[in-house]
N, C-alpha and C. Protein backbone atom coordinates (compact mmCIF):
# COMPACT_ATOMS: atom_id res chain seq x y z
N MET A 1 119.85 103.90 73.41
CA MET A 1 118.58 104.59 73.50
C MET A 1 118.87 106.08 73.33
N HIS A 2 117.98 106.72 72.62
CA HIS A 2 118.13 108.16 72.39
C HIS A 2 117.97 108.90 73.72
N ALA A 3 118.73 109.95 73.90
CA ALA A 3 118.73 110.67 75.17
C ALA A 3 117.36 111.22 75.53
N HIS A 4 116.62 111.73 74.54
CA HIS A 4 115.29 112.30 74.83
C HIS A 4 114.31 111.20 75.23
N ALA A 5 114.41 110.06 74.58
CA ALA A 5 113.53 108.94 74.93
C ALA A 5 113.85 108.45 76.33
N HIS A 6 115.13 108.37 76.65
CA HIS A 6 115.55 107.94 77.98
C HIS A 6 115.04 108.91 79.05
N LEU A 7 115.15 110.20 78.77
CA LEU A 7 114.68 111.21 79.72
C LEU A 7 113.17 111.13 79.89
N ALA A 8 112.45 110.90 78.79
CA ALA A 8 110.99 110.80 78.87
C ALA A 8 110.59 109.59 79.72
N LEU A 9 111.25 108.45 79.51
CA LEU A 9 110.96 107.26 80.32
C LEU A 9 111.29 107.51 81.79
N HIS A 10 112.36 108.23 82.04
CA HIS A 10 112.73 108.56 83.42
C HIS A 10 111.63 109.39 84.08
N HIS A 11 111.11 110.37 83.36
CA HIS A 11 110.06 111.22 83.93
C HIS A 11 108.78 110.42 84.20
N VAL A 12 108.45 109.49 83.30
CA VAL A 12 107.26 108.65 83.51
C VAL A 12 107.46 107.77 84.74
N HIS A 13 108.61 107.17 84.85
CA HIS A 13 108.89 106.30 85.99
C HIS A 13 108.90 107.09 87.30
N ALA A 14 109.50 108.27 87.28
CA ALA A 14 109.53 109.11 88.48
C ALA A 14 108.11 109.51 88.89
N ALA A 15 107.27 109.82 87.92
CA ALA A 15 105.89 110.18 88.23
C ALA A 15 105.14 109.00 88.85
N GLU A 16 105.38 107.79 88.34
CA GLU A 16 104.75 106.60 88.92
C GLU A 16 105.21 106.38 90.35
N LEU A 17 106.50 106.57 90.60
CA LEU A 17 107.02 106.41 91.96
C LEU A 17 106.42 107.43 92.91
N HIS A 18 106.28 108.67 92.44
CA HIS A 18 105.67 109.71 93.28
C HIS A 18 104.21 109.37 93.58
N ALA A 19 103.49 108.87 92.59
CA ALA A 19 102.09 108.50 92.81
C ALA A 19 101.99 107.35 93.80
N ASP A 20 102.86 106.36 93.67
CA ASP A 20 102.85 105.24 94.62
C ASP A 20 103.17 105.71 96.04
N ALA A 21 104.13 106.62 96.15
CA ALA A 21 104.49 107.14 97.47
C ALA A 21 103.33 107.92 98.08
N GLN A 22 102.63 108.69 97.26
CA GLN A 22 101.48 109.45 97.76
C GLN A 22 100.37 108.51 98.22
N LYS A 23 100.12 107.43 97.47
CA LYS A 23 99.10 106.45 97.89
C LYS A 23 99.49 105.80 99.21
N TYR A 24 100.76 105.49 99.36
CA TYR A 24 101.24 104.88 100.59
C TYR A 24 101.05 105.84 101.77
N ARG A 25 101.41 107.10 101.57
CA ARG A 25 101.25 108.09 102.65
C ARG A 25 99.79 108.25 103.04
N LEU A 26 98.90 108.28 102.05
CA LEU A 26 97.47 108.42 102.36
C LEU A 26 96.95 107.19 103.11
N ALA A 27 97.35 106.02 102.67
CA ALA A 27 96.89 104.80 103.35
C ALA A 27 97.42 104.74 104.77
N ARG A 28 98.65 105.15 104.96
CA ARG A 28 99.25 105.12 106.29
C ARG A 28 98.58 106.13 107.22
N SER A 29 98.26 107.32 106.72
CA SER A 29 97.61 108.32 107.58
C SER A 29 96.17 107.92 107.90
N ALA A 30 95.50 107.22 106.99
CA ALA A 30 94.13 106.79 107.24
C ALA A 30 94.08 105.67 108.27
N ARG A 31 95.15 104.91 108.35
CA ARG A 31 95.20 103.79 109.29
C ARG A 31 95.26 104.29 110.73
N GLY A 32 95.87 105.42 110.95
CA GLY A 32 95.96 105.98 112.29
C GLY A 32 97.04 105.31 113.12
N SER A 33 97.21 105.82 114.29
CA SER A 33 98.23 105.26 115.18
C SER A 33 97.63 104.12 115.99
N ARG A 34 98.47 103.24 116.48
CA ARG A 34 98.01 102.10 117.26
C ARG A 34 98.79 101.99 118.57
N PRO A 35 98.76 103.00 119.41
CA PRO A 35 99.54 102.90 120.63
C PRO A 35 99.04 101.80 121.57
N LEU A 36 97.73 101.61 121.65
CA LEU A 36 97.19 100.57 122.53
C LEU A 36 97.57 99.19 122.02
N ARG A 37 97.46 98.99 120.72
CA ARG A 37 97.81 97.69 120.15
C ARG A 37 99.30 97.41 120.35
N THR A 38 100.12 98.42 120.18
CA THR A 38 101.56 98.25 120.37
C THR A 38 101.88 97.92 121.82
N ALA A 39 101.26 98.64 122.74
CA ALA A 39 101.51 98.39 124.16
C ALA A 39 101.04 97.00 124.56
N LEU A 40 99.90 96.58 124.05
CA LEU A 40 99.39 95.24 124.36
C LEU A 40 100.31 94.17 123.79
N GLY A 41 100.79 94.38 122.58
CA GLY A 41 101.70 93.43 121.96
C GLY A 41 103.00 93.30 122.74
N GLN A 42 103.53 94.42 123.18
CA GLN A 42 104.76 94.39 123.97
C GLN A 42 104.54 93.68 125.30
N ALA A 43 103.40 93.93 125.93
CA ALA A 43 103.10 93.27 127.20
C ALA A 43 102.98 91.75 127.01
N LEU A 44 102.34 91.32 125.93
CA LEU A 44 102.20 89.89 125.68
C LEU A 44 103.55 89.24 125.40
N ILE A 45 104.41 89.94 124.70
CA ILE A 45 105.75 89.41 124.43
C ILE A 45 106.53 89.27 125.74
N GLU A 46 106.45 90.28 126.61
CA GLU A 46 107.16 90.21 127.89
C GLU A 46 106.65 89.04 128.74
N VAL A 47 105.34 88.84 128.76
CA VAL A 47 104.77 87.73 129.53
C VAL A 47 105.26 86.41 128.94
N GLY A 48 105.24 86.29 127.63
CA GLY A 48 105.71 85.07 127.00
C GLY A 48 107.18 84.80 127.29
N LEU A 49 108.00 85.84 127.28
CA LEU A 49 109.41 85.66 127.58
C LEU A 49 109.62 85.23 129.03
N ARG A 50 108.82 85.78 129.93
CA ARG A 50 108.94 85.38 131.34
C ARG A 50 108.51 83.93 131.53
N LEU A 51 107.49 83.51 130.79
CA LEU A 51 107.02 82.12 130.92
C LEU A 51 108.02 81.13 130.35
N THR A 52 108.76 81.52 129.35
CA THR A 52 109.71 80.59 128.73
C THR A 52 111.09 80.66 129.35
N ALA A 53 111.35 81.64 130.19
CA ALA A 53 112.67 81.77 130.82
C ALA A 53 112.85 80.65 131.84
N PRO A 54 114.06 80.16 131.98
CA PRO A 54 114.29 79.12 132.99
C PRO A 54 114.01 79.67 134.38
N SER A 55 113.46 78.80 135.23
CA SER A 55 113.11 79.27 136.57
C SER A 55 114.38 79.45 137.40
N ARG A 56 114.32 80.41 138.26
CA ARG A 56 115.45 80.69 139.14
C ARG A 56 115.33 79.82 140.38
N PRO A 57 116.45 79.35 140.90
CA PRO A 57 116.36 78.56 142.13
C PRO A 57 115.90 79.44 143.29
N THR A 58 115.05 78.88 144.11
CA THR A 58 114.54 79.61 145.26
C THR A 58 115.46 79.37 146.45
N VAL A 59 115.55 80.37 147.27
CA VAL A 59 116.38 80.28 148.48
C VAL A 59 115.47 80.00 149.66
N ALA A 60 115.75 78.93 150.37
CA ALA A 60 114.93 78.59 151.54
C ALA A 60 115.40 79.38 152.74
N LEU A 61 114.47 80.01 153.41
CA LEU A 61 114.79 80.78 154.61
C LEU A 61 114.47 79.92 155.83
N THR A 62 115.43 79.79 156.72
CA THR A 62 115.19 78.98 157.93
C THR A 62 115.20 79.80 159.18
């Protein structure tokens, strides 16, 4: 491939990648943060792990 043609294709591809990255950044910023959803998800996972964990033997006090 001719060097100038290769360079032109590289510039087109780089511009497409930059445009895709900009679209991704805009979509991500529009989505906003989800701290409540994350905290709720973590709490549900912890509860599920506690429910599936083997029970500990209880010590009888006399």
